[in-house]
N, C-alpha and C. Protein backbone atom coordinates (compact mmCIF):
# COMPACT_ATOMS: atom_id res chain seq x y z
N MET A 1 0.85 -1.20 0.00
CA MET A 1 0.00 0.00 0.00
C MET A 1 0.88 1.24 0.00
N PRO A 2 0.54 2.27 -0.80
CA PRO A 2 1.39 3.47 -0.88
C PRO A 2 1.50 4.16 0.48
N LEU A 3 2.59 4.95 0.61
CA LEU A 3 2.74 5.78 1.79
C LEU A 3 1.58 6.76 1.87
N GLU A 4 1.14 7.04 3.09
CA GLU A 4 -0.04 7.88 3.29
C GLU A 4 0.26 8.95 4.33
N LEU A 5 -0.09 10.19 4.02
CA LEU A 5 0.10 11.28 4.97
C LEU A 5 -0.89 11.16 6.12
N VAL A 6 -0.38 11.25 7.36
CA VAL A 6 -1.23 11.31 8.54
C VAL A 6 -1.56 12.77 8.84
N ASN A 7 -0.54 13.62 8.81
CA ASN A 7 -0.69 15.06 8.84
C ASN A 7 0.49 15.65 8.08
N SER A 8 0.73 16.92 8.21
CA SER A 8 1.77 17.56 7.40
C SER A 8 3.19 17.13 7.75
N LYS A 9 3.37 16.40 8.89
CA LYS A 9 4.71 16.05 9.34
C LYS A 9 4.90 14.57 9.64
N VAL A 10 3.87 13.77 9.41
CA VAL A 10 3.94 12.33 9.70
C VAL A 10 3.38 11.56 8.52
N VAL A 11 4.05 10.46 8.16
CA VAL A 11 3.60 9.61 7.07
C VAL A 11 3.46 8.18 7.59
N LYS A 12 2.50 7.45 7.03
CA LYS A 12 2.22 6.07 7.47
C LYS A 12 2.46 5.10 6.34
N SER A 13 3.08 3.95 6.69
CA SER A 13 3.23 2.85 5.75
C SER A 13 2.48 1.64 6.30
N THR A 14 1.62 1.05 5.48
CA THR A 14 0.89 -0.16 5.87
C THR A 14 1.59 -1.36 5.25
N LEU A 15 2.12 -2.25 6.09
CA LEU A 15 2.90 -3.39 5.63
C LEU A 15 2.05 -4.65 5.60
N ALA A 16 2.37 -5.51 4.66
CA ALA A 16 1.78 -6.84 4.56
C ALA A 16 2.91 -7.81 4.25
N PRO A 17 2.74 -9.11 4.51
CA PRO A 17 3.80 -10.08 4.22
C PRO A 17 4.27 -9.97 2.77
N GLY A 18 5.58 -9.98 2.61
CA GLY A 18 6.16 -9.87 1.28
C GLY A 18 6.41 -8.44 0.83
N GLN A 19 6.03 -7.46 1.65
CA GLN A 19 6.26 -6.06 1.31
C GLN A 19 7.22 -5.44 2.32
N ASN A 20 7.88 -4.37 1.91
CA ASN A 20 8.70 -3.63 2.86
C ASN A 20 8.78 -2.17 2.45
N VAL A 21 9.23 -1.36 3.37
CA VAL A 21 9.43 0.06 3.10
C VAL A 21 10.81 0.45 3.61
N LEU A 22 11.49 1.31 2.87
CA LEU A 22 12.80 1.80 3.28
C LEU A 22 12.63 3.22 3.80
N ALA A 23 13.28 3.51 4.94
CA ALA A 23 13.14 4.83 5.55
C ALA A 23 14.46 5.26 6.17
N ARG A 24 14.59 6.54 6.34
CA ARG A 24 15.76 7.13 6.99
C ARG A 24 15.93 6.53 8.38
N THR A 25 17.14 6.10 8.71
CA THR A 25 17.40 5.50 10.01
C THR A 25 17.08 6.50 11.12
N GLY A 26 16.31 6.04 12.12
CA GLY A 26 15.94 6.87 13.24
C GLY A 26 14.66 7.66 13.04
N SER A 27 14.00 7.49 11.87
CA SER A 27 12.80 8.28 11.58
C SER A 27 11.51 7.59 12.02
N MET A 28 11.59 6.31 12.47
CA MET A 28 10.39 5.63 12.93
C MET A 28 9.88 6.27 14.22
N LEU A 29 8.62 6.69 14.23
CA LEU A 29 8.01 7.30 15.40
C LEU A 29 7.32 6.25 16.27
N TYR A 30 6.50 5.39 15.67
CA TYR A 30 5.87 4.27 16.38
C TYR A 30 5.28 3.32 15.35
N TYR A 31 4.92 2.13 15.80
CA TYR A 31 4.31 1.17 14.88
C TYR A 31 3.33 0.30 15.64
N THR A 32 2.45 -0.36 14.89
CA THR A 32 1.52 -1.34 15.44
C THR A 32 1.67 -2.64 14.65
N GLY A 33 1.38 -3.76 15.31
CA GLY A 33 1.48 -5.05 14.64
C GLY A 33 2.83 -5.70 14.82
N ASP A 34 3.12 -6.68 13.97
CA ASP A 34 4.36 -7.45 14.02
C ASP A 34 5.30 -6.93 12.94
N VAL A 35 6.20 -6.03 13.31
CA VAL A 35 7.08 -5.37 12.35
C VAL A 35 8.53 -5.58 12.77
N ARG A 36 9.39 -5.83 11.79
CA ARG A 36 10.84 -5.98 12.03
C ARG A 36 11.59 -4.90 11.26
N PHE A 37 12.71 -4.44 11.84
CA PHE A 37 13.52 -3.40 11.22
C PHE A 37 14.91 -3.97 10.94
N ILE A 38 15.38 -3.76 9.72
CA ILE A 38 16.64 -4.33 9.27
C ILE A 38 17.49 -3.22 8.64
N PRO A 39 18.77 -3.09 9.04
CA PRO A 39 19.63 -2.09 8.39
C PRO A 39 19.71 -2.36 6.89
N HIS A 40 19.70 -1.30 6.11
CA HIS A 40 19.74 -1.43 4.66
C HIS A 40 21.08 -0.93 4.14
N SER A 41 21.79 -1.78 3.43
CA SER A 41 23.11 -1.44 2.90
C SER A 41 22.96 -0.75 1.56
N MET A 42 23.79 0.28 1.34
CA MET A 42 23.78 0.96 0.05
C MET A 42 24.14 0.01 -1.06
N GLY A 43 24.98 -0.98 -0.76
CA GLY A 43 25.42 -1.89 -1.81
C GLY A 43 24.42 -2.94 -2.16
N GLY A 44 23.30 -3.04 -1.40
CA GLY A 44 22.38 -4.13 -1.63
C GLY A 44 21.26 -3.84 -2.57
N GLY A 45 20.99 -2.59 -2.87
CA GLY A 45 19.83 -2.26 -3.69
C GLY A 45 20.17 -2.19 -5.15
N PRO A 46 19.15 -2.24 -6.02
CA PRO A 46 19.38 -2.14 -7.46
C PRO A 46 20.03 -0.81 -7.80
N GLY A 47 21.06 -0.86 -8.65
CA GLY A 47 21.69 0.36 -9.11
C GLY A 47 22.70 0.94 -8.15
N ALA A 48 22.90 0.33 -6.98
CA ALA A 48 23.86 0.87 -6.02
C ALA A 48 25.26 0.67 -6.53
N MET A 49 26.15 1.56 -6.14
CA MET A 49 27.54 1.46 -6.57
C MET A 49 28.23 0.32 -5.84
N PRO A 50 28.99 -0.54 -6.54
CA PRO A 50 29.67 -1.65 -5.88
C PRO A 50 30.80 -1.17 -5.00
N ASN A 51 31.23 -2.05 -4.08
CA ASN A 51 32.32 -1.74 -3.18
C ASN A 51 33.63 -2.11 -3.84
N MET A 52 34.35 -1.12 -4.36
CA MET A 52 35.59 -1.37 -5.08
C MET A 52 36.67 -0.46 -4.55
N GLY A 53 37.88 -0.75 -4.93
CA GLY A 53 38.99 0.09 -4.53
C GLY A 53 39.25 1.19 -5.53
N GLY A 54 40.40 1.85 -5.40
CA GLY A 54 40.79 2.88 -6.35
C GLY A 54 39.83 4.03 -6.39
N ILE A 55 39.62 4.56 -7.60
CA ILE A 55 38.76 5.72 -7.77
C ILE A 55 37.33 5.39 -7.39
N ALA A 56 36.86 4.19 -7.77
CA ALA A 56 35.48 3.81 -7.42
C ALA A 56 35.30 3.73 -5.92
N GLY A 57 36.32 3.19 -5.22
CA GLY A 57 36.23 3.10 -3.77
C GLY A 57 36.21 4.48 -3.13
N MET A 58 37.03 5.38 -3.66
CA MET A 58 37.03 6.75 -3.14
C MET A 58 35.67 7.40 -3.38
N ALA A 59 35.08 7.17 -4.56
CA ALA A 59 33.76 7.72 -4.85
C ALA A 59 32.73 7.16 -3.89
N GLY A 60 32.86 5.86 -3.57
CA GLY A 60 31.92 5.25 -2.64
C GLY A 60 32.02 5.86 -1.26
N ARG A 61 33.26 6.16 -0.82
CA ARG A 61 33.43 6.76 0.50
C ARG A 61 32.88 8.18 0.50
N MET A 62 33.07 8.92 -0.59
CA MET A 62 32.50 10.25 -0.69
C MET A 62 30.98 10.17 -0.67
N MET A 63 30.45 9.17 -1.39
CA MET A 63 29.01 9.01 -1.48
C MET A 63 28.41 8.71 -0.12
N SER A 64 29.11 7.88 0.69
CA SER A 64 28.55 7.48 1.98
C SER A 64 28.36 8.66 2.90
N GLY A 65 29.14 9.72 2.72
CA GLY A 65 28.99 10.90 3.54
C GLY A 65 27.85 11.78 3.11
N GLU A 66 27.30 11.52 1.91
CA GLU A 66 26.24 12.36 1.37
C GLU A 66 24.96 11.55 1.18
N HIS A 67 24.90 10.38 1.76
CA HIS A 67 23.73 9.52 1.60
C HIS A 67 23.16 9.21 2.97
N ALA A 68 21.88 9.51 3.19
CA ALA A 68 21.25 9.24 4.47
C ALA A 68 21.15 7.73 4.69
N ARG A 69 21.53 7.26 5.87
CA ARG A 69 21.43 5.83 6.18
C ARG A 69 19.97 5.41 6.21
N MET A 70 19.69 4.22 5.68
CA MET A 70 18.32 3.75 5.55
C MET A 70 18.13 2.45 6.33
N MET A 71 16.85 2.18 6.70
CA MET A 71 16.48 0.93 7.33
C MET A 71 15.24 0.39 6.62
N ALA A 72 15.12 -0.93 6.59
CA ALA A 72 13.96 -1.57 5.97
C ALA A 72 13.02 -2.06 7.06
N ALA A 73 11.73 -1.85 6.85
CA ALA A 73 10.70 -2.37 7.76
C ALA A 73 9.88 -3.40 7.00
N GLU A 74 9.64 -4.55 7.63
CA GLU A 74 8.85 -5.60 6.99
C GLU A 74 8.02 -6.31 8.05
N GLY A 75 7.00 -7.02 7.61
CA GLY A 75 6.13 -7.74 8.54
C GLY A 75 4.68 -7.44 8.22
N ASN A 76 3.88 -7.29 9.27
CA ASN A 76 2.45 -7.07 9.11
C ASN A 76 2.01 -6.02 10.14
N GLY A 77 1.71 -4.81 9.68
CA GLY A 77 1.33 -3.76 10.60
C GLY A 77 1.42 -2.39 9.96
N GLU A 78 1.42 -1.37 10.78
CA GLU A 78 1.52 0.00 10.32
C GLU A 78 2.70 0.68 11.00
N VAL A 79 3.50 1.41 10.21
CA VAL A 79 4.67 2.12 10.72
C VAL A 79 4.51 3.60 10.41
N PHE A 80 4.82 4.44 11.39
CA PHE A 80 4.66 5.89 11.25
C PHE A 80 6.03 6.55 11.30
N TYR A 81 6.28 7.45 10.34
CA TYR A 81 7.60 8.07 10.20
C TYR A 81 7.49 9.60 10.24
N GLY A 82 8.56 10.22 10.74
CA GLY A 82 8.72 11.66 10.72
C GLY A 82 10.16 11.98 11.06
N HIS A 83 10.59 13.21 10.84
CA HIS A 83 11.98 13.55 11.14
C HIS A 83 12.09 15.02 11.52
N ALA A 84 12.52 15.27 12.76
CA ALA A 84 12.88 16.61 13.25
C ALA A 84 11.76 17.62 13.09
N GLY A 85 10.52 17.17 13.06
CA GLY A 85 9.40 18.09 12.91
C GLY A 85 9.30 18.74 11.55
N LEU A 86 10.02 18.19 10.55
CA LEU A 86 9.99 18.76 9.21
C LEU A 86 8.71 18.36 8.49
N TYR A 87 8.34 19.15 7.50
CA TYR A 87 7.16 18.85 6.70
C TYR A 87 7.44 17.68 5.75
N VAL A 88 6.39 16.92 5.47
CA VAL A 88 6.51 15.74 4.61
C VAL A 88 5.59 15.90 3.40
N GLU A 89 6.11 15.54 2.25
CA GLU A 89 5.33 15.51 1.01
C GLU A 89 5.43 14.11 0.43
N VAL A 90 4.30 13.52 0.02
CA VAL A 90 4.31 12.20 -0.61
C VAL A 90 4.15 12.37 -2.12
N ILE A 91 5.07 11.78 -2.86
CA ILE A 91 5.06 11.85 -4.32
C ILE A 91 4.83 10.44 -4.86
N HIS A 92 3.86 10.30 -5.76
CA HIS A 92 3.53 8.99 -6.33
C HIS A 92 4.16 8.85 -7.72
N LEU A 93 4.88 7.76 -7.92
CA LEU A 93 5.52 7.48 -9.20
C LEU A 93 4.69 6.46 -9.96
N ASP A 94 4.46 6.71 -11.26
CA ASP A 94 3.64 5.81 -12.07
C ASP A 94 4.46 4.88 -12.95
N GLY A 95 5.79 4.93 -12.80
CA GLY A 95 6.65 4.06 -13.58
C GLY A 95 7.17 4.67 -14.86
N SER A 96 6.64 5.82 -15.26
CA SER A 96 7.06 6.43 -16.51
C SER A 96 8.17 7.46 -16.35
N SER A 97 8.36 7.96 -15.13
CA SER A 97 9.36 9.00 -14.90
C SER A 97 10.21 8.67 -13.69
N MET A 98 11.39 9.23 -13.65
CA MET A 98 12.33 9.03 -12.56
C MET A 98 12.33 10.24 -11.64
N LEU A 99 12.39 9.98 -10.33
CA LEU A 99 12.47 11.06 -9.34
C LEU A 99 13.92 11.22 -8.91
N THR A 100 14.41 12.45 -8.98
CA THR A 100 15.75 12.79 -8.50
C THR A 100 15.59 13.62 -7.24
N VAL A 101 16.20 13.17 -6.13
CA VAL A 101 15.98 13.82 -4.85
C VAL A 101 17.29 13.91 -4.08
N GLU A 102 17.49 15.01 -3.38
CA GLU A 102 18.66 15.15 -2.52
C GLU A 102 18.56 14.14 -1.38
N ALA A 103 19.67 13.49 -1.03
CA ALA A 103 19.67 12.42 -0.03
C ALA A 103 19.13 12.90 1.31
N ASP A 104 19.47 14.13 1.72
CA ASP A 104 19.01 14.59 3.03
C ASP A 104 17.54 14.97 3.03
N ARG A 105 16.91 15.02 1.86
CA ARG A 105 15.48 15.30 1.77
C ARG A 105 14.64 14.02 1.73
N LEU A 106 15.26 12.87 1.61
CA LEU A 106 14.54 11.61 1.45
C LEU A 106 14.18 11.03 2.82
N LEU A 107 12.88 10.83 3.07
CA LEU A 107 12.42 10.25 4.33
C LEU A 107 12.14 8.76 4.19
N ALA A 108 11.35 8.36 3.21
CA ALA A 108 10.97 6.95 3.06
C ALA A 108 10.49 6.71 1.63
N HIS A 109 10.53 5.43 1.22
CA HIS A 109 9.95 5.05 -0.07
C HIS A 109 9.61 3.57 -0.06
N ASP A 110 8.66 3.20 -0.91
CA ASP A 110 8.28 1.80 -1.04
C ASP A 110 9.50 0.97 -1.43
N GLY A 111 9.65 -0.21 -0.79
CA GLY A 111 10.85 -1.00 -0.98
C GLY A 111 11.02 -1.56 -2.37
N TYR A 112 9.94 -1.68 -3.15
CA TYR A 112 10.06 -2.26 -4.48
C TYR A 112 10.44 -1.22 -5.54
N LEU A 113 10.58 0.04 -5.17
CA LEU A 113 11.11 1.03 -6.10
C LEU A 113 12.59 0.77 -6.32
N GLN A 114 13.05 0.97 -7.53
CA GLN A 114 14.47 0.83 -7.82
C GLN A 114 15.17 2.15 -7.47
N SER A 115 16.30 2.03 -6.81
CA SER A 115 17.04 3.23 -6.39
C SER A 115 18.49 3.13 -6.81
N SER A 116 19.10 4.27 -7.03
CA SER A 116 20.51 4.33 -7.36
C SER A 116 21.08 5.65 -6.89
N ILE A 117 22.37 5.62 -6.55
CA ILE A 117 23.09 6.84 -6.18
C ILE A 117 23.90 7.23 -7.41
N VAL A 118 23.64 8.41 -7.93
CA VAL A 118 24.22 8.83 -9.20
C VAL A 118 25.15 10.01 -8.98
N ALA A 119 26.34 9.93 -9.56
CA ALA A 119 27.27 11.05 -9.47
C ALA A 119 26.78 12.18 -10.35
N LEU A 120 26.84 13.40 -9.84
CA LEU A 120 26.46 14.56 -10.64
C LEU A 120 27.34 14.67 -11.87
N THR A 121 28.58 14.17 -11.78
CA THR A 121 29.47 14.23 -12.93
C THR A 121 28.92 13.41 -14.09
N SER A 122 28.18 12.31 -13.79
CA SER A 122 27.63 11.50 -14.87
C SER A 122 26.45 12.19 -15.53
N GLN A 123 25.90 13.21 -14.89
CA GLN A 123 24.77 13.92 -15.46
C GLN A 123 25.21 15.19 -16.18
N GLY A 124 26.42 15.67 -15.87
CA GLY A 124 26.80 16.93 -16.50
C GLY A 124 28.30 17.13 -16.59
N GLY A 125 29.09 16.05 -16.64
CA GLY A 125 30.53 16.18 -16.76
C GLY A 125 31.12 17.02 -15.65
N VAL A 126 32.16 17.76 -15.99
CA VAL A 126 32.82 18.61 -15.00
C VAL A 126 31.85 19.65 -14.46
N ARG A 127 30.96 20.15 -15.32
CA ARG A 127 30.00 21.15 -14.88
C ARG A 127 29.11 20.60 -13.78
N GLY A 128 28.77 19.30 -13.86
CA GLY A 128 27.95 18.69 -12.83
C GLY A 128 28.67 18.68 -11.49
N ALA A 129 29.97 18.34 -11.51
CA ALA A 129 30.74 18.33 -10.27
C ALA A 129 30.87 19.73 -9.69
N VAL A 130 31.11 20.71 -10.57
CA VAL A 130 31.21 22.09 -10.10
C VAL A 130 29.89 22.54 -9.51
N ARG A 131 28.78 22.15 -10.16
CA ARG A 131 27.47 22.52 -9.64
C ARG A 131 27.28 21.97 -8.23
N GLY A 132 27.63 20.70 -8.03
CA GLY A 132 27.46 20.09 -6.72
C GLY A 132 28.31 20.76 -5.67
N ALA A 133 29.56 21.07 -6.01
CA ALA A 133 30.46 21.68 -5.04
C ALA A 133 30.04 23.10 -4.70
N MET A 134 29.61 23.87 -5.70
CA MET A 134 29.29 25.28 -5.48
C MET A 134 27.96 25.47 -4.79
N THR A 135 26.99 24.59 -5.07
CA THR A 135 25.65 24.78 -4.50
C THR A 135 25.50 24.11 -3.16
N GLY A 136 26.46 23.30 -2.74
CA GLY A 136 26.36 22.62 -1.46
C GLY A 136 25.50 21.37 -1.53
N GLN A 137 25.12 20.94 -2.74
CA GLN A 137 24.29 19.75 -2.88
C GLN A 137 25.11 18.47 -2.84
N GLY A 138 26.43 18.57 -2.86
CA GLY A 138 27.25 17.38 -2.87
C GLY A 138 27.50 16.90 -4.28
N LEU A 139 28.27 15.81 -4.41
CA LEU A 139 28.63 15.29 -5.72
C LEU A 139 27.73 14.14 -6.16
N PHE A 140 26.82 13.70 -5.30
CA PHE A 140 25.95 12.58 -5.62
C PHE A 140 24.50 12.93 -5.30
N THR A 141 23.59 12.31 -6.01
CA THR A 141 22.18 12.50 -5.76
C THR A 141 21.47 11.14 -5.90
N THR A 142 20.26 11.02 -5.37
CA THR A 142 19.53 9.76 -5.37
C THR A 142 18.46 9.79 -6.45
N GLN A 143 18.33 8.69 -7.20
CA GLN A 143 17.29 8.55 -8.20
C GLN A 143 16.42 7.35 -7.87
N LEU A 144 15.11 7.50 -8.01
CA LEU A 144 14.14 6.45 -7.73
C LEU A 144 13.22 6.31 -8.93
N HIS A 145 12.93 5.05 -9.31
CA HIS A 145 11.97 4.86 -10.41
C HIS A 145 11.22 3.56 -10.22
N GLY A 146 10.08 3.46 -10.90
CA GLY A 146 9.16 2.34 -10.76
C GLY A 146 7.78 2.87 -10.39
N GLN A 147 6.93 1.98 -9.91
CA GLN A 147 5.60 2.37 -9.47
C GLN A 147 5.54 2.28 -7.95
N GLY A 148 5.28 3.39 -7.30
CA GLY A 148 5.25 3.42 -5.84
C GLY A 148 5.24 4.84 -5.35
N SER A 149 5.48 5.01 -4.06
CA SER A 149 5.41 6.34 -3.44
C SER A 149 6.69 6.64 -2.69
N VAL A 150 6.97 7.94 -2.61
CA VAL A 150 8.18 8.45 -1.96
C VAL A 150 7.78 9.59 -1.04
N ALA A 151 8.33 9.61 0.18
CA ALA A 151 8.10 10.71 1.11
C ALA A 151 9.36 11.54 1.21
N VAL A 152 9.23 12.85 0.97
CA VAL A 152 10.38 13.75 1.04
C VAL A 152 10.15 14.80 2.12
N LEU A 153 11.25 15.34 2.63
CA LEU A 153 11.22 16.31 3.73
C LEU A 153 11.46 17.73 3.22
N SER A 154 10.93 18.70 3.96
CA SER A 154 11.18 20.09 3.61
C SER A 154 10.98 20.98 4.83
N HIS A 155 11.59 22.16 4.78
CA HIS A 155 11.33 23.20 5.77
C HIS A 155 10.12 24.01 5.28
N GLY A 156 9.05 24.04 6.06
CA GLY A 156 7.92 24.89 5.72
C GLY A 156 7.01 24.38 4.63
N GLY A 157 7.22 23.15 4.17
CA GLY A 157 6.38 22.59 3.10
C GLY A 157 7.04 22.70 1.74
N ALA A 158 6.67 21.80 0.83
CA ALA A 158 7.23 21.78 -0.52
C ALA A 158 6.20 22.30 -1.52
N ILE A 159 6.66 23.12 -2.46
CA ILE A 159 5.81 23.73 -3.47
C ILE A 159 6.13 23.08 -4.82
N PRO A 160 5.16 22.45 -5.50
CA PRO A 160 5.43 21.88 -6.82
C PRO A 160 5.35 22.96 -7.90
N LEU A 161 6.38 23.04 -8.72
CA LEU A 161 6.44 24.01 -9.80
C LEU A 161 6.51 23.25 -11.13
N GLN A 162 5.62 23.58 -12.06
CA GLN A 162 5.59 22.92 -13.35
C GLN A 162 6.59 23.57 -14.31
N VAL A 163 7.34 22.72 -15.00
CA VAL A 163 8.26 23.17 -16.04
C VAL A 163 7.78 22.59 -17.36
N GLY A 164 7.60 23.43 -18.37
CA GLY A 164 7.09 22.95 -19.65
C GLY A 164 6.84 24.08 -20.61
N PRO A 165 5.99 23.85 -21.61
CA PRO A 165 5.76 24.88 -22.64
C PRO A 165 5.30 26.22 -22.09
N ASN A 166 4.45 26.20 -21.08
CA ASN A 166 3.96 27.46 -20.50
C ASN A 166 4.93 28.07 -19.51
N ASN A 167 5.91 27.30 -19.09
CA ASN A 167 6.90 27.74 -18.10
C ASN A 167 8.23 27.10 -18.49
N PRO A 168 8.86 27.55 -19.55
CA PRO A 168 10.02 26.84 -20.09
C PRO A 168 11.25 26.84 -19.19
N GLN A 169 11.31 27.75 -18.23
CA GLN A 169 12.46 27.80 -17.33
C GLN A 169 12.03 28.22 -15.94
N VAL A 170 12.48 27.46 -14.95
CA VAL A 170 12.28 27.83 -13.55
C VAL A 170 13.65 27.93 -12.90
N VAL A 171 13.93 29.05 -12.24
CA VAL A 171 15.23 29.27 -11.60
C VAL A 171 15.04 29.13 -10.09
N VAL A 172 15.85 28.24 -9.49
CA VAL A 172 15.65 27.84 -8.10
C VAL A 172 16.91 28.13 -7.29
N ASP A 173 16.72 28.61 -6.07
CA ASP A 173 17.85 28.71 -5.14
C ASP A 173 18.28 27.29 -4.76
N PRO A 174 19.56 26.96 -4.85
CA PRO A 174 19.99 25.58 -4.58
C PRO A 174 19.68 25.10 -3.17
N GLN A 175 19.62 26.01 -2.19
CA GLN A 175 19.30 25.60 -0.83
C GLN A 175 17.81 25.29 -0.68
N ALA A 176 16.98 25.80 -1.59
CA ALA A 176 15.54 25.57 -1.52
C ALA A 176 15.12 24.36 -2.34
N TYR A 177 15.99 23.87 -3.21
CA TYR A 177 15.66 22.72 -4.06
C TYR A 177 15.45 21.46 -3.23
N VAL A 178 14.38 20.72 -3.53
CA VAL A 178 14.10 19.45 -2.84
C VAL A 178 14.27 18.27 -3.79
N CYS A 179 13.54 18.27 -4.92
CA CYS A 179 13.60 17.15 -5.85
C CYS A 179 12.94 17.56 -7.15
N HIS A 180 13.04 16.69 -8.17
CA HIS A 180 12.32 16.93 -9.41
C HIS A 180 12.01 15.61 -10.09
N ILE A 181 11.01 15.64 -10.96
CA ILE A 181 10.59 14.45 -11.70
C ILE A 181 10.33 14.85 -13.14
N GLY A 182 10.62 13.94 -14.06
CA GLY A 182 10.38 14.21 -15.47
C GLY A 182 11.66 14.45 -16.23
N GLN A 183 11.52 14.90 -17.46
CA GLN A 183 12.67 15.16 -18.33
C GLN A 183 13.14 16.60 -18.11
N ILE A 184 13.85 16.80 -17.02
CA ILE A 184 14.30 18.14 -16.64
C ILE A 184 15.82 18.20 -16.64
N ASN A 185 16.35 19.23 -17.27
CA ASN A 185 17.78 19.50 -17.24
C ASN A 185 18.07 20.54 -16.17
N VAL A 186 19.12 20.29 -15.39
CA VAL A 186 19.51 21.20 -14.32
C VAL A 186 20.87 21.79 -14.65
N ASP A 187 20.96 23.09 -14.69
CA ASP A 187 22.23 23.74 -14.98
C ASP A 187 22.45 24.85 -13.96
N ILE A 188 23.72 25.18 -13.73
CA ILE A 188 24.04 26.22 -12.76
C ILE A 188 24.13 27.57 -13.43
N SER A 189 23.67 28.58 -12.73
CA SER A 189 23.81 29.95 -13.19
C SER A 189 24.60 30.69 -12.12
N ALA A 190 25.80 31.11 -12.49
CA ALA A 190 26.65 31.84 -11.54
C ALA A 190 26.79 33.28 -12.01
N ASN A 191 26.27 34.19 -11.22
CA ASN A 191 26.33 35.61 -11.56
C ASN A 191 27.10 36.32 -10.44
N VAL A 192 28.40 36.17 -10.47
CA VAL A 192 29.25 36.71 -9.41
C VAL A 192 29.97 37.95 -9.91
N GLY A 193 29.66 39.07 -9.32
CA GLY A 193 30.30 40.33 -9.69
C GLY A 193 31.13 40.88 -8.55
N TRP A 194 31.52 42.15 -8.70
CA TRP A 194 32.40 42.73 -7.68
C TRP A 194 31.69 42.90 -6.35
N ARG A 195 30.35 43.10 -6.35
CA ARG A 195 29.63 43.28 -5.09
C ARG A 195 29.67 41.99 -4.27
N GLU A 196 29.54 40.82 -4.97
CA GLU A 196 29.65 39.55 -4.25
C GLU A 196 31.06 39.36 -3.72
N ALA A 197 32.04 39.79 -4.50
CA ALA A 197 33.43 39.61 -4.10
C ALA A 197 33.75 40.37 -2.82
N VAL A 198 33.12 41.52 -2.60
CA VAL A 198 33.40 42.31 -1.41
C VAL A 198 32.33 42.12 -0.34
N GLY A 199 31.44 41.13 -0.55
CA GLY A 199 30.45 40.81 0.47
C GLY A 199 29.25 41.71 0.51
N LYS A 200 28.96 42.43 -0.58
CA LYS A 200 27.82 43.35 -0.60
C LYS A 200 26.79 42.96 -1.64
N GLY A 201 26.84 41.71 -2.07
CA GLY A 201 25.91 41.26 -3.09
C GLY A 201 24.57 40.86 -2.51
N SER A 202 23.69 40.38 -3.39
CA SER A 202 22.33 40.02 -2.98
C SER A 202 22.27 38.68 -2.27
N GLY A 203 23.33 37.87 -2.38
CA GLY A 203 23.31 36.53 -1.81
C GLY A 203 22.63 35.52 -2.71
N GLU A 204 22.24 35.93 -3.93
CA GLU A 204 21.55 35.05 -4.86
C GLU A 204 22.40 34.83 -6.11
N SER A 205 23.73 34.80 -5.95
CA SER A 205 24.61 34.73 -7.12
C SER A 205 24.65 33.34 -7.74
N ILE A 206 24.36 32.27 -6.98
CA ILE A 206 24.36 30.91 -7.50
C ILE A 206 22.91 30.44 -7.57
N GLN A 207 22.47 30.03 -8.77
CA GLN A 207 21.10 29.60 -8.97
C GLN A 207 21.08 28.35 -9.83
N LEU A 208 19.99 27.58 -9.74
CA LEU A 208 19.79 26.39 -10.56
C LEU A 208 18.74 26.69 -11.62
N LYS A 209 19.11 26.51 -12.88
CA LYS A 209 18.17 26.71 -13.98
C LYS A 209 17.57 25.36 -14.37
N MET A 210 16.24 25.24 -14.28
CA MET A 210 15.53 24.01 -14.59
C MET A 210 14.77 24.20 -15.89
N THR A 211 15.08 23.37 -16.89
CA THR A 211 14.40 23.45 -18.18
C THR A 211 13.95 22.05 -18.59
N GLY A 212 13.03 21.98 -19.53
CA GLY A 212 12.52 20.69 -20.00
C GLY A 212 11.05 20.56 -19.69
N VAL A 213 10.63 19.33 -19.31
CA VAL A 213 9.23 19.07 -18.99
C VAL A 213 9.18 18.22 -17.72
N GLY A 214 8.48 18.70 -16.71
CA GLY A 214 8.36 17.94 -15.47
C GLY A 214 7.93 18.84 -14.33
N THR A 215 8.21 18.37 -13.11
CA THR A 215 7.82 19.10 -11.90
C THR A 215 9.02 19.22 -10.97
N VAL A 216 9.21 20.40 -10.41
CA VAL A 216 10.28 20.66 -9.44
C VAL A 216 9.62 21.01 -8.11
N TRP A 217 10.09 20.41 -7.02
CA TRP A 217 9.59 20.75 -5.69
C TRP A 217 10.61 21.65 -4.99
N VAL A 218 10.12 22.75 -4.45
CA VAL A 218 10.97 23.74 -3.78
C VAL A 218 10.42 23.95 -2.38
N GLN A 219 11.31 23.96 -1.38
CA GLN A 219 10.84 24.17 0.00
C GLN A 219 10.72 25.65 0.30
N ALA A 220 9.89 25.96 1.31
CA ALA A 220 9.60 27.36 1.65
C ALA A 220 10.67 27.92 2.60
N SER A 221 11.93 27.62 2.30
CA SER A 221 13.03 28.06 3.14
C SER A 221 14.34 27.79 2.40
N GLU A 222 15.38 28.51 2.77
CA GLU A 222 16.71 28.24 2.21
C GLU A 222 17.58 27.50 3.22
N GLN A 223 16.97 26.98 4.28
CA GLN A 223 17.70 26.30 5.33
C GLN A 223 17.97 24.85 4.97
N LYS A 224 19.22 24.41 5.12
CA LYS A 224 19.56 23.00 4.90
C LYS A 224 19.45 22.23 6.21
N PHE A 225 19.40 20.90 6.10
CA PHE A 225 19.33 20.08 7.29
C PHE A 225 20.03 18.75 7.04
């Protein structure tokens, strides 16, 4: 059964035998029924990066610092999740589009969704790495696809913004970005002048330009967590 909002800050998962849900470690608030919790390894899911040495091993160690630890819940019952009093938004995937979400914004998702940790460099070459480093989003991001539901976190609630023919470009503050779905290209816009150099700028010199077709979720705050 898909994840279900209880209120603006709590989400419920209804488990049955043969089903499971993955959630941020420590986010379980309470549960009813016969439920078991199992640590979830990044290397165990579909699309996860293998444990290797050399450059791949270094990438894996970098990734582990930017990926929220997850736990799997299985059994028969209901489990309720929340984190730090943050707002929760449930996004339903129909199997036709992929959801890209920042790791620290991910609360829970249906266990049968396929997930992978993707390097920003694979999405945009050197520019992708620069974007991650400059915006504070890190060098890796999480992608989920299949049919199921995903719960994401935000400060003050998440606002869905449509990108498409009527809105060909949406420019987002990187600290406010939560996630996006659809065929959306993300590029960095750096407008750094002398005022920024001397500390008298607007503070909006780094922005994310979203183009294509899809939906972008933006939180009502520039605060990271």
